[in-house]
Amino acid sequence: MRRRHLIQLAAGTLAAASVGVHAQAFPAKPIKLVIAFPAGGPTDITMRQLADNAGKILGQPVIVENKPGAGGTLPAQLLQTTAPDGYTLAQVPLGVFRLPYTTRISWDPVKDIRYVLNVTGYAFGIVVPADSPLKTWTHFVAWAKANPGKLTYGSTGTLTSPHLTTELIAQKLGLQLVHVPYKGSSELAQAITGGHIMAAADSTGFAPLVQAGKLRVLNTWGEKRLEKFPDAPTLKELGLGIVQNSPFGIGAPKGTPPAVVKRLHDAFKKAMEQPSYVQALARYDMLPMYMSSAGYTKFAQETFAREKALVEKLGLAKPN
């Protein structure tokens, strides 16, 4: 018995040492970070800065790959068929937590992703072209009521936060709007500045176009007014009782070793704190929004339950 105990003890020690060595050796090659929106938009620009910072800390490049479409859920789906070795990571937007309620999938967004950390969150609003006759939110609502089914608005994709929140606004106000989905902020910006749609619901990736005098902000969706757009009322101020800020972070495949997750967490947390990342976020009225691995996992669990209620309220849940 003593001999068996010693053998088991030695085996456990070797296993622990192996994990420790693996964590120290990680990463031994470049890491891929897959993001959910196209190149050139606010997500791409800010995540590339974060990846660059993290790569320098890790001693290996963190290479950003864009995988837009499907409401921002493709990177998370990719994790389901990827080796759990820490070399493929994914941005996890809020739309991932709605997926099982709207689409038949064989994986669970809470249980089948290893949550590394949350890094920031979007600020949102509704914009119109600067020369639009819809000068204020009051004009927007009045025109939509007088012309049911004719006011077109674009978003960054079906079932994204901009889409669902705008539909919730329309439901509360009794409006019939026409939704036009795009793959990301850059494509949406081209559509609204090109006159293809009347309005756009998006993250504050629209900020440079507003500052250039091409777009006008009708409202924003945070707890308080945005510093860049002090004249734009919040949805709460407009009596709608809605706050939407949509945190997002980084996930790894289920089964990724805890020591590797910790190495990634520590590197990306340090990367978040660097001035270059804070400045990149500030271009779009975004802020660092840190959640630890445990905190982000808890957020995923709570959001998964909350998003079910929103999808059902809008009548968008898939049939049983």
C-alpha atoms as a PDB file:
ATOM      1  CA  MET A   1       0.000   0.000   0.000  1.00  0.00           C
ATOM      2  CA  ARG A   2       2.838   2.352   0.879  1.00  0.00           C
ATOM      3  CA  ARG A   3       4.513   1.602  -2.459  1.00  0.00           C
ATOM      4  CA  ARG A   4       1.260   2.304  -4.341  1.00  0.00           C
ATOM      5  CA  HIS A   5       0.785   5.547  -2.410  1.00  0.00           C
ATOM      6  CA  LEU A   6       4.302   6.677  -3.303  1.00  0.00           C
ATOM      7  CA  ILE A   7       3.731   5.845  -6.981  1.00  0.00           C
ATOM      8  CA  GLN A   8       0.452   7.824  -7.015  1.00  0.00           C
ATOM      9  CA  LEU A   9       2.117  10.737  -5.247  1.00  0.00           C
ATOM     10  CA  ALA A  10       4.967  10.736  -7.739  1.00  0.00           C
ATOM     11  CA  ALA A  11       2.520  10.596 -10.660  1.00  0.00           C
ATOM     12  CA  GLY A  12       0.566  13.540  -9.278  1.00  0.00           C
ATOM     13  CA  THR A  13       3.749  15.536  -8.779  1.00  0.00           C
ATOM     14  CA  LEU A  14       4.855  14.806 -12.345  1.00  0.00           C
ATOM     15  CA  ALA A  15       1.440  15.818 -13.724  1.00  0.00           C
ATOM     16  CA  ALA A  16       1.524  19.099 -11.795  1.00  0.00           C
ATOM     17  CA  ALA A  17       5.059  19.736 -12.961  1.00  0.00           C
ATOM     18  CA  SER A  18       4.011  19.017 -16.562  1.00  0.00           C
ATOM     19  CA  VAL A  19       1.193  21.567 -16.354  1.00  0.00           C
ATOM     20  CA  GLY A  20       3.586  24.106 -14.857  1.00  0.00           C
ATOM     21  CA  VAL A  21       6.164  23.541 -17.588  1.00  0.00           C
ATOM     22  CA  HIS A  22       3.450  23.773 -20.267  1.00  0.00           C
ATOM     23  CA  ALA A  23       2.255  27.113 -18.857  1.00  0.00           C
ATOM     24  CA  GLN A  24       5.808  28.443 -18.713  1.00  0.00           C
ATOM     25  CA  ALA A  25       6.483  27.293 -22.280  1.00  0.00           C
ATOM     26  CA  PHE A  26       3.217  28.799 -23.549  1.00  0.00           C
ATOM     27  CA  PRO A  27       3.072  30.391 -26.015  1.00  0.00           C
ATOM     28  CA  ALA A  28       5.635  28.762 -28.251  1.00  0.00           C
ATOM     29  CA  LYS A  29       4.076  30.078 -31.473  1.00  0.00           C
ATOM     30  CA  PRO A  30       1.733  32.893 -32.631  1.00  0.00           C
ATOM     31  CA  ILE A  31      -1.797  33.079 -31.197  1.00  0.00           C
ATOM     32  CA  LYS A  32      -4.851  33.726 -33.363  1.00  0.00           C
ATOM     33  CA  LEU A  33      -7.572  36.065 -32.073  1.00  0.00           C
ATOM     34  CA  VAL A  34     -10.748  35.830 -34.160  1.00  0.00           C
ATOM     35  CA  ILE A  35     -13.045  38.849 -33.997  1.00  0.00           C
ATOM     36  CA  ALA A  36     -16.671  39.041 -35.014  1.00  0.00           C
ATOM     37  CA  PHE A  37     -16.712  42.131 -37.252  1.00  0.00           C
ATOM     38  CA  PRO A  38     -14.957  43.316 -40.437  1.00  0.00           C
ATOM     39  CA  ALA A  39     -11.675  45.165 -40.756  1.00  0.00           C
ATOM     40  CA  GLY A  40     -11.767  48.941 -40.372  1.00  0.00           C
ATOM     41  CA  GLY A  41     -14.550  49.191 -37.794  1.00  0.00           C
ATOM     42  CA  PRO A  42     -14.241  50.132 -34.103  1.00  0.00           C
ATOM     43  CA  THR A  43     -14.033  46.503 -32.925  1.00  0.00           C
ATOM     44  CA  ASP A  44     -11.264  45.696 -35.393  1.00  0.00           C
ATOM     45  CA  ILE A  45      -9.246  48.830 -34.632  1.00  0.00           C
ATOM     46  CA  THR A  46      -9.429  48.523 -30.839  1.00  0.00           C
ATOM     47  CA  MET A  47      -8.886  44.749 -30.751  1.00  0.00           C
ATOM     48  CA  ARG A  48      -5.837  45.029 -33.008  1.00  0.00           C
ATOM     49  CA  GLN A  49      -4.288  47.466 -30.560  1.00  0.00           C
ATOM     50  CA  LEU A  50      -5.077  45.130 -27.666  1.00  0.00           C
ATOM     51  CA  ALA A  51      -3.641  42.163 -29.590  1.00  0.00           C
ATOM     52  CA  ASP A  52      -0.470  44.091 -30.388  1.00  0.00           C
ATOM     53  CA  ASN A  53      -0.013  44.969 -26.710  1.00  0.00           C
ATOM     54  CA  ALA A  54      -0.696  41.384 -25.581  1.00  0.00           C
ATOM     55  CA  GLY A  55       1.690  39.930 -28.162  1.00  0.00           C
ATOM     56  CA  LYS A  56       4.574  41.977 -26.778  1.00  0.00           C
ATOM     57  CA  ILE A  57       3.793  40.781 -23.246  1.00  0.00           C
ATOM     58  CA  LEU A  58       3.451  37.118 -24.295  1.00  0.00           C
ATOM     59  CA  GLY A  59       6.548  37.149 -26.484  1.00  0.00           C
ATOM     60  CA  GLN A  60       4.619  35.839 -29.493  1.00  0.00           C
ATOM     61  CA  PRO A  61       2.444  37.728 -32.009  1.00  0.00           C
ATOM     62  CA  VAL A  62      -1.314  37.772 -31.452  1.00  0.00           C
ATOM     63  CA  ILE A  63      -2.725  37.779 -34.980  1.00  0.00           C
ATOM     64  CA  VAL A  64      -6.225  39.179 -35.528  1.00  0.00           C
ATOM     65  CA  GLU A  65      -8.486  37.372 -37.975  1.00  0.00           C
ATOM     66  CA  ASN A  66     -11.840  38.874 -38.999  1.00  0.00           C
ATOM     67  CA  LYS A  67     -14.810  36.520 -39.224  1.00  0.00           C
ATOM     68  CA  PRO A  68     -17.938  38.690 -39.653  1.00  0.00           C
ATOM     69  CA  GLY A  69     -21.508  37.548 -40.174  1.00  0.00           C
ATOM     70  CA  ALA A  70     -24.216  35.583 -38.325  1.00  0.00           C
ATOM     71  CA  GLY A  71     -24.800  38.425 -35.866  1.00  0.00           C
ATOM     72  CA  GLY A  72     -21.245  38.290 -34.525  1.00  0.00           C
ATOM     73  CA  THR A  73     -21.409  34.642 -33.426  1.00  0.00           C
ATOM     74  CA  LEU A  74     -18.998  32.960 -35.886  1.00  0.00           C
ATOM     75  CA  PRO A  75     -15.815  33.247 -33.755  1.00  0.00           C
ATOM     76  CA  ALA A  76     -17.551  31.594 -30.786  1.00  0.00           C
ATOM     77  CA  GLN A  77     -18.809  28.806 -33.054  1.00  0.00           C
ATOM     78  CA  LEU A  78     -15.254  28.318 -34.320  1.00  0.00           C
ATOM     79  CA  LEU A  79     -14.111  27.561 -30.762  1.00  0.00           C
ATOM     80  CA  GLN A  80     -16.291  24.442 -30.775  1.00  0.00           C
ATOM     81  CA  THR A  81     -14.041  22.738 -33.354  1.00  0.00           C
ATOM     82  CA  THR A  82     -10.684  24.158 -32.253  1.00  0.00           C
ATOM     83  CA  ALA A  83      -7.983  22.443 -30.169  1.00  0.00           C
ATOM     84  CA  PRO A  84      -8.093  23.621 -26.521  1.00  0.00           C
ATOM     85  CA  ASP A  85      -4.443  24.648 -26.452  1.00  0.00           C
ATOM     86  CA  GLY A  86      -4.734  28.435 -26.097  1.00  0.00           C
ATOM     87  CA  TYR A  87      -3.571  29.194 -29.628  1.00  0.00           C
ATOM     88  CA  THR A  88      -7.027  30.150 -30.923  1.00  0.00           C
ATOM     89  CA  LEU A  89      -9.081  32.744 -29.072  1.00  0.00           C
ATOM     90  CA  ALA A  90     -12.344  34.474 -29.979  1.00  0.00           C
ATOM     91  CA  GLN A  91     -14.167  37.695 -29.282  1.00  0.00           C
ATOM     92  CA  VAL A  92     -17.498  36.914 -27.599  1.00  0.00           C
ATOM     93  CA  PRO A  93     -20.138  39.603 -28.339  1.00  0.00           C
ATOM     94  CA  LEU A  94     -23.474  39.624 -26.517  1.00  0.00           C
ATOM     95  CA  GLY A  95     -25.246  38.024 -29.495  1.00  0.00           C
ATOM     96  CA  VAL A  96     -23.579  34.698 -28.645  1.00  0.00           C
ATOM     97  CA  PHE A  97     -25.805  34.378 -25.574  1.00  0.00           C
ATOM     98  CA  ARG A  98     -28.961  34.716 -27.702  1.00  0.00           C
ATOM     99  CA  LEU A  99     -27.974  32.072 -30.224  1.00  0.00           C
ATOM    100  CA  PRO A 100     -29.625  28.988 -28.652  1.00  0.00           C
ATOM    101  CA  TYR A 101     -32.939  30.851 -28.395  1.00  0.00           C
ATOM    102  CA  THR A 102     -33.037  31.814 -32.070  1.00  0.00           C
ATOM    103  CA  THR A 103     -31.096  29.040 -33.852  1.00  0.00           C
ATOM    104  CA  ARG A 104     -30.753  25.301 -33.416  1.00  0.00           C
ATOM    105  CA  ILE A 105     -27.181  24.662 -32.250  1.00  0.00           C
ATOM    106  CA  SER A 106     -25.487  21.669 -30.621  1.00  0.00           C
ATOM    107  CA  TRP A 107     -23.373  23.585 -28.090  1.00  0.00           C
ATOM    108  CA  ASP A 108     -23.954  25.711 -24.993  1.00  0.00           C
ATOM    109  CA  PRO A 109     -22.551  29.294 -24.916  1.00  0.00           C
ATOM    110  CA  VAL A 110     -22.025  29.112 -21.150  1.00  0.00           C
ATOM    111  CA  LYS A 111     -20.610  25.593 -20.723  1.00  0.00           C
ATOM    112  CA  ASP A 112     -18.715  25.196 -24.002  1.00  0.00           C
ATOM    113  CA  ILE A 113     -16.542  28.326 -23.918  1.00  0.00           C
ATOM    114  CA  ARG A 114     -13.703  28.978 -21.464  1.00  0.00           C
ATOM    115  CA  TYR A 115     -14.083  32.655 -20.554  1.00  0.00           C
ATOM    116  CA  VAL A 116     -10.682  34.376 -20.258  1.00  0.00           C
ATOM    117  CA  LEU A 117     -11.609  37.999 -19.460  1.00  0.00           C
ATOM    118  CA  ASN A 118     -13.901  40.852 -20.497  1.00  0.00           C
ATOM    119  CA  VAL A 119     -12.102  43.792 -22.105  1.00  0.00           C
ATOM    120  CA  THR A 120     -14.595  46.554 -22.962  1.00  0.00           C
ATOM    121  CA  GLY A 121     -18.164  47.279 -24.035  1.00  0.00           C
ATOM    122  CA  TYR A 122     -19.868  49.158 -26.832  1.00  0.00           C
ATOM    123  CA  ALA A 123     -21.594  52.505 -26.520  1.00  0.00           C
ATOM    124  CA  PHE A 124     -24.570  52.668 -28.898  1.00  0.00           C
ATOM    125  CA  GLY A 125     -26.889  55.178 -30.533  1.00  0.00           C
ATOM    126  CA  ILE A 126     -29.078  55.967 -33.525  1.00  0.00           C
ATOM    127  CA  VAL A 127     -27.766  58.289 -36.230  1.00  0.00           C
ATOM    128  CA  VAL A 128     -29.159  59.842 -39.420  1.00  0.00           C
ATOM    129  CA  PRO A 129     -27.430  61.687 -42.289  1.00  0.00           C
ATOM    130  CA  ALA A 130     -26.570  65.283 -41.422  1.00  0.00           C
ATOM    131  CA  ASP A 131     -28.931  66.566 -44.154  1.00  0.00           C
ATOM    132  CA  SER A 132     -31.838  64.349 -43.059  1.00  0.00           C
ATOM    133  CA  PRO A 133     -35.153  66.102 -42.351  1.00  0.00           C
ATOM    134  CA  LEU A 134     -35.305  63.971 -39.176  1.00  0.00           C
ATOM    135  CA  LYS A 135     -33.480  66.578 -37.092  1.00  0.00           C
ATOM    136  CA  THR A 136     -34.317  65.141 -33.651  1.00  0.00           C
ATOM    137  CA  TRP A 137     -35.643  61.927 -32.093  1.00  0.00           C
ATOM    138  CA  THR A 138     -39.063  63.589 -31.919  1.00  0.00           C
ATOM    139  CA  HIS A 139     -39.000  64.073 -35.712  1.00  0.00           C
ATOM    140  CA  PHE A 140     -37.879  60.440 -36.185  1.00  0.00           C
ATOM    141  CA  VAL A 141     -40.778  59.057 -34.118  1.00  0.00           C
ATOM    142  CA  ALA A 142     -43.359  61.367 -35.718  1.00  0.00           C
ATOM    143  CA  TRP A 143     -42.250  60.464 -39.269  1.00  0.00           C
ATOM    144  CA  ALA A 144     -42.226  56.737 -38.484  1.00  0.00           C
ATOM    145  CA  LYS A 145     -45.754  56.910 -37.048  1.00  0.00           C
ATOM    146  CA  ALA A 146     -47.022  58.875 -40.048  1.00  0.00           C
ATOM    147  CA  ASN A 147     -45.343  56.465 -42.488  1.00  0.00           C
ATOM    148  CA  PRO A 148     -45.607  52.938 -41.033  1.00  0.00           C
ATOM    149  CA  GLY A 149     -43.280  50.398 -42.657  1.00  0.00           C
ATOM    150  CA  LYS A 150     -41.322  53.029 -44.617  1.00  0.00           C
ATOM    151  CA  LEU A 151     -38.545  54.202 -42.294  1.00  0.00           C
ATOM    152  CA  THR A 152     -35.464  52.084 -43.023  1.00  0.00           C
ATOM    153  CA  TYR A 153     -32.657  51.598 -40.533  1.00  0.00           C
ATOM    154  CA  GLY A 154     -29.501  49.541 -40.696  1.00  0.00           C
ATOM    155  CA  SER A 155     -27.627  47.620 -38.014  1.00  0.00           C
ATOM    156  CA  THR A 156     -24.493  45.500 -37.748  1.00  0.00           C
ATOM    157  CA  GLY A 157     -26.503  42.317 -38.242  1.00  0.00           C
ATOM    158  CA  THR A 158     -29.685  40.422 -37.423  1.00  0.00           C
ATOM    159  CA  LEU A 159     -30.050  39.650 -33.692  1.00  0.00           C
ATOM    160  CA  THR A 160     -27.154  41.915 -32.700  1.00  0.00           C
ATOM    161  CA  SER A 161     -27.655  44.339 -29.807  1.00  0.00           C
ATOM    162  CA  PRO A 162     -28.279  47.322 -32.153  1.00  0.00           C
ATOM    163  CA  HIS A 163     -30.971  45.342 -34.005  1.00  0.00           C
ATOM    164  CA  LEU A 164     -32.759  43.944 -30.953  1.00  0.00           C
ATOM    165  CA  THR A 165     -32.607  47.174 -28.971  1.00  0.00           C
ATOM    166  CA  THR A 166     -34.051  49.178 -31.878  1.00  0.00           C
ATOM    167  CA  GLU A 167     -36.842  46.623 -32.231  1.00  0.00           C
ATOM    168  CA  LEU A 168     -37.533  46.940 -28.508  1.00  0.00           C
ATOM    169  CA  ILE A 169     -37.676  50.739 -28.883  1.00  0.00           C
ATOM    170  CA  ALA A 170     -40.066  50.361 -31.836  1.00  0.00           C
ATOM    171  CA  GLN A 171     -42.250  47.962 -29.864  1.00  0.00           C
ATOM    172  CA  LYS A 172     -42.479  50.353 -26.933  1.00  0.00           C
ATOM    173  CA  LEU A 173     -43.417  53.272 -29.226  1.00  0.00           C
ATOM    174  CA  GLY A 174     -45.683  51.344 -31.616  1.00  0.00           C
ATOM    175  CA  LEU A 175     -43.441  51.951 -34.652  1.00  0.00           C
ATOM    176  CA  GLN A 176     -43.137  49.780 -37.775  1.00  0.00           C
ATOM    177  CA  LEU A 177     -39.530  50.083 -38.967  1.00  0.00           C
ATOM    178  CA  VAL A 178     -37.749  48.249 -41.800  1.00  0.00           C
ATOM    179  CA  HIS A 179     -34.510  46.592 -40.662  1.00  0.00           C
ATOM    180  CA  VAL A 180     -31.577  46.235 -43.078  1.00  0.00           C
ATOM    181  CA  PRO A 181     -28.700  44.100 -41.687  1.00  0.00           C
ATOM    182  CA  TYR A 182     -25.027  44.662 -42.564  1.00  0.00           C
ATOM    183  CA  LYS A 183     -21.879  42.732 -41.637  1.00  0.00           C
ATOM    184  CA  GLY A 184     -20.276  45.463 -39.542  1.00  0.00           C
ATOM    185  CA  SER A 185     -19.861  49.145 -38.791  1.00  0.00           C
ATOM    186  CA  SER A 186     -17.749  49.976 -41.847  1.00  0.00           C
ATOM    187  CA  GLU A 187     -20.315  48.477 -44.251  1.00  0.00           C
ATOM    188  CA  LEU A 188     -23.155  50.142 -42.340  1.00  0.00           C
ATOM    189  CA  ALA A 189     -21.376  53.510 -42.500  1.00  0.00           C
ATOM    190  CA  GLN A 190     -21.083  53.231 -46.282  1.00  0.00           C
ATOM    191  CA  ALA A 191     -24.795  52.453 -46.533  1.00  0.00           C
ATOM    192  CA  ILE A 192     -26.004  55.420 -44.503  1.00  0.00           C
ATOM    193  CA  THR A 193     -23.575  57.967 -45.966  1.00  0.00           C
ATOM    194  CA  GLY A 194     -24.479  56.654 -49.420  1.00  0.00           C
ATOM    195  CA  GLY A 195     -28.188  57.294 -48.843  1.00  0.00           C
ATOM    196  CA  HIS A 196     -29.248  53.619 -48.963  1.00  0.00           C
ATOM    197  CA  ILE A 197     -30.959  53.741 -45.547  1.00  0.00           C
ATOM    198  CA  MET A 198     -32.564  56.529 -43.507  1.00  0.00           C
ATOM    199  CA  ALA A 199     -30.983  55.757 -40.123  1.00  0.00           C
ATOM    200  CA  ALA A 200     -28.447  53.483 -38.477  1.00  0.00           C
ATOM    201  CA  ALA A 201     -28.308  51.808 -35.058  1.00  0.00           C
ATOM    202  CA  ASP A 202     -24.703  51.109 -34.190  1.00  0.00           C
ATOM    203  CA  SER A 203     -21.902  51.324 -31.697  1.00  0.00           C
ATOM    204  CA  THR A 204     -20.130  54.658 -31.619  1.00  0.00           C
ATOM    205  CA  GLY A 205     -17.988  53.629 -34.550  1.00  0.00           C
ATOM    206  CA  PHE A 206     -20.037  56.394 -36.183  1.00  0.00           C
ATOM    207  CA  ALA A 207     -18.167  59.017 -34.100  1.00  0.00           C
ATOM    208  CA  PRO A 208     -15.658  60.105 -36.795  1.00  0.00           C
ATOM    209  CA  LEU A 209     -18.485  60.603 -39.310  1.00  0.00           C
ATOM    210  CA  VAL A 210     -20.451  62.690 -36.805  1.00  0.00           C
ATOM    211  CA  GLN A 211     -17.380  64.805 -36.085  1.00  0.00           C
ATOM    212  CA  ALA A 212     -16.821  65.217 -39.838  1.00  0.00           C
ATOM    213  CA  GLY A 213     -20.339  66.641 -40.194  1.00  0.00           C
ATOM    214  CA  LYS A 214     -21.738  63.699 -42.198  1.00  0.00           C
ATOM    215  CA  LEU A 215     -24.035  62.164 -39.557  1.00  0.00           C
ATOM    216  CA  ARG A 216     -26.190  63.423 -36.681  1.00  0.00           C
ATOM    217  CA  VAL A 217     -26.788  61.541 -33.404  1.00  0.00           C
ATOM    218  CA  LEU A 218     -30.440  61.315 -32.341  1.00  0.00           C
ATOM    219  CA  ASN A 219     -29.956  59.366 -29.107  1.00  0.00           C
ATOM    220  CA  THR A 220     -27.479  57.221 -27.181  1.00  0.00           C
ATOM    221  CA  TRP A 221     -28.129  54.123 -25.088  1.00  0.00           C
ATOM    222  CA  GLY A 222     -25.933  54.357 -21.998  1.00  0.00           C
ATOM    223  CA  GLU A 223     -26.710  55.221 -18.404  1.00  0.00           C
ATOM    224  CA  LYS A 224     -25.702  58.839 -19.054  1.00  0.00           C
ATOM    225  CA  ARG A 225     -24.980  61.104 -22.044  1.00  0.00           C
ATOM    226  CA  LEU A 226     -21.726  60.524 -23.905  1.00  0.00           C
ATOM    227  CA  GLU A 227     -19.030  63.144 -23.495  1.00  0.00           C
ATOM    228  CA  LYS A 228     -18.528  63.398 -27.278  1.00  0.00           C
ATOM    229  CA  PHE A 229     -22.251  63.906 -27.922  1.00  0.00           C
ATOM    230  CA  PRO A 230     -23.569  65.972 -24.998  1.00  0.00           C
ATOM    231  CA  ASP A 231     -26.650  67.125 -26.938  1.00  0.00           C
ATOM    232  CA  ALA A 232     -27.884  63.598 -27.690  1.00  0.00           C
ATOM    233  CA  PRO A 233     -30.389  62.354 -25.066  1.00  0.00           C
ATOM    234  CA  THR A 234     -30.230  58.855 -23.609  1.00  0.00           C
ATOM    235  CA  LEU A 235     -33.080  56.380 -24.044  1.00  0.00           C
ATOM    236  CA  LYS A 236     -33.750  56.741 -20.309  1.00  0.00           C
ATOM    237  CA  GLU A 237     -34.154  60.506 -20.717  1.00  0.00           C
ATOM    238  CA  LEU A 238     -36.571  59.869 -23.579  1.00  0.00           C
ATOM    239  CA  GLY A 239     -38.761  57.843 -21.215  1.00  0.00           C
ATOM    240  CA  LEU A 240     -37.985  54.428 -22.701  1.00  0.00           C
ATOM    241  CA  GLY A 241     -36.289  52.949 -19.640  1.00  0.00           C
ATOM    242  CA  ILE A 242     -33.608  51.148 -21.716  1.00  0.00           C
ATOM    243  CA  VAL A 243     -29.847  50.989 -21.058  1.00  0.00           C
ATOM    244  CA  GLN A 244     -27.661  48.976 -23.451  1.00  0.00           C
ATOM    245  CA  ASN A 245     -23.848  48.908 -23.264  1.00  0.00           C
ATOM    246  CA  SER A 246     -23.042  45.359 -24.438  1.00  0.00           C
ATOM    247  CA  PRO A 247     -19.802  44.190 -22.772  1.00  0.00           C
ATOM    248  CA  PHE A 248     -17.554  41.812 -24.721  1.00  0.00           C
ATOM    249  CA  GLY A 249     -14.410  39.867 -24.052  1.00  0.00           C
ATOM    250  CA  ILE A 250     -12.212  36.957 -25.056  1.00  0.00           C
ATOM    251  CA  GLY A 251     -12.985  33.248 -24.895  1.00  0.00           C
ATOM    252  CA  ALA A 252     -11.011  30.061 -25.480  1.00  0.00           C
ATOM    253  CA  PRO A 253     -12.147  26.524 -26.323  1.00  0.00           C
ATOM    254  CA  LYS A 254     -13.647  24.414 -23.546  1.00  0.00           C
ATOM    255  CA  GLY A 255     -10.945  22.294 -21.949  1.00  0.00           C
ATOM    256  CA  THR A 256      -8.147  24.857 -22.299  1.00  0.00           C
ATOM    257  CA  PRO A 257      -5.756  24.162 -19.369  1.00  0.00           C
ATOM    258  CA  PRO A 258      -6.282  26.514 -16.386  1.00  0.00           C
ATOM    259  CA  ALA A 259      -2.589  27.494 -16.371  1.00  0.00           C
ATOM    260  CA  VAL A 260      -2.823  28.573 -20.028  1.00  0.00           C
ATOM    261  CA  VAL A 261      -6.034  30.517 -19.352  1.00  0.00           C
ATOM    262  CA  LYS A 262      -4.283  32.304 -16.473  1.00  0.00           C
ATOM    263  CA  ARG A 263      -1.293  33.154 -18.680  1.00  0.00           C
ATOM    264  CA  LEU A 264      -3.625  34.607 -21.304  1.00  0.00           C
ATOM    265  CA  HIS A 265      -5.735  36.425 -18.718  1.00  0.00           C
ATOM    266  CA  ASP A 266      -2.721  38.059 -17.090  1.00  0.00           C
ATOM    267  CA  ALA A 267      -1.223  39.151 -20.427  1.00  0.00           C
ATOM    268  CA  PHE A 268      -4.457  40.611 -21.820  1.00  0.00           C
ATOM    269  CA  LYS A 269      -5.274  42.336 -18.516  1.00  0.00           C
ATOM    270  CA  LYS A 270      -1.874  44.040 -18.614  1.00  0.00           C
ATOM    271  CA  ALA A 271      -2.443  44.878 -22.303  1.00  0.00           C
ATOM    272  CA  MET A 272      -5.788  46.527 -21.397  1.00  0.00           C
ATOM    273  CA  GLU A 273      -4.071  48.835 -18.934  1.00  0.00           C
ATOM    274  CA  GLN A 274      -1.651  50.316 -21.458  1.00  0.00           C
ATOM    275  CA  PRO A 275      -2.348  53.896 -22.655  1.00  0.00           C
ATOM    276  CA  SER A 276      -2.363  52.871 -26.340  1.00  0.00           C
ATOM    277  CA  TYR A 277      -5.424  50.638 -25.783  1.00  0.00           C
ATOM    278  CA  VAL A 278      -7.241  53.207 -23.627  1.00  0.00           C
ATOM    279  CA  GLN A 279      -6.645  55.839 -26.330  1.00  0.00           C
ATOM    280  CA  ALA A 280      -7.875  53.525 -29.103  1.00  0.00           C
ATOM    281  CA  LEU A 281     -11.107  52.918 -27.165  1.00  0.00           C
ATOM    282  CA  ALA A 282     -11.574  56.633 -26.474  1.00  0.00           C
ATOM    283  CA  ARG A 283     -11.931  57.312 -30.208  1.00  0.00           C
ATOM    284  CA  TYR A 284     -15.310  55.549 -29.972  1.00  0.00           C
ATOM    285  CA  ASP A 285     -16.399  56.600 -26.457  1.00  0.00           C
ATOM    286  CA  MET A 286     -15.495  53.152 -25.164  1.00  0.00           C
ATOM    287  CA  LEU A 287     -13.691  52.374 -21.899  1.00  0.00           C
ATOM    288  CA  PRO A 288     -11.739  49.403 -20.568  1.00  0.00           C
ATOM    289  CA  MET A 289     -14.267  47.137 -18.801  1.00  0.00           C
ATOM    290  CA  TYR A 290     -12.381  44.415 -16.971  1.00  0.00           C
ATOM    291  CA  MET A 291     -13.910  41.178 -15.694  1.00  0.00           C
ATOM    292  CA  SER A 292     -11.738  38.332 -14.412  1.00  0.00           C
ATOM    293  CA  SER A 293     -12.117  34.776 -15.749  1.00  0.00           C
ATOM    294  CA  ALA A 294     -14.461  33.940 -12.871  1.00  0.00           C
ATOM    295  CA  GLY A 295     -16.342  37.229 -13.140  1.00  0.00           C
ATOM    296  CA  TYR A 296     -16.745  36.905 -16.899  1.00  0.00           C
ATOM    297  CA  THR A 297     -18.035  33.343 -16.518  1.00  0.00           C
ATOM    298  CA  LYS A 298     -20.650  34.555 -14.030  1.00  0.00           C
ATOM    299  CA  PHE A 299     -21.593  37.389 -16.405  1.00  0.00           C
ATOM    300  CA  ALA A 300     -22.064  34.800 -19.194  1.00  0.00           C
ATOM    301  CA  GLN A 301     -24.418  32.764 -17.005  1.00  0.00           C
ATOM    302  CA  GLU A 302     -26.512  35.794 -16.027  1.00  0.00           C
ATOM    303  CA  THR A 303     -26.610  37.255 -19.540  1.00  0.00           C
ATOM    304  CA  PHE A 304     -27.668  33.919 -21.030  1.00  0.00           C
ATOM    305  CA  ALA A 305     -30.765  33.950 -18.811  1.00  0.00           C
ATOM    306  CA  ARG A 306     -31.518  37.654 -19.399  1.00  0.00           C
ATOM    307  CA  GLU A 307     -31.249  37.463 -23.194  1.00  0.00           C
ATOM    308  CA  LYS A 308     -33.854  34.686 -23.282  1.00  0.00           C
ATOM    309  CA  ALA A 309     -36.407  37.119 -21.857  1.00  0.00           C
ATOM    310  CA  LEU A 310     -35.546  39.790 -24.466  1.00  0.00           C
ATOM    311  CA  VAL A 311     -35.765  37.392 -27.421  1.00  0.00           C
ATOM    312  CA  GLU A 312     -39.113  36.051 -26.200  1.00  0.00           C
ATOM    313  CA  LYS A 313     -40.466  39.584 -25.585  1.00  0.00           C
ATOM    314  CA  LEU A 314     -39.713  40.492 -29.213  1.00  0.00           C
ATOM    315  CA  GLY A 315     -41.257  37.266 -30.509  1.00  0.00           C
ATOM    316  CA  LEU A 316     -38.001  36.129 -32.123  1.00  0.00           C
ATOM    317  CA  ALA A 317     -37.503  32.845 -30.270  1.00  0.00           C
ATOM    318  CA  LYS A 318     -37.198  29.752 -32.473  1.00  0.00           C
ATOM    319  CA  PRO A 319     -40.199  27.408 -32.459  1.00  0.00           C
ATOM    320  CA  ASN A 320     -39.917  24.344 -30.222  1.00  0.00           C
END
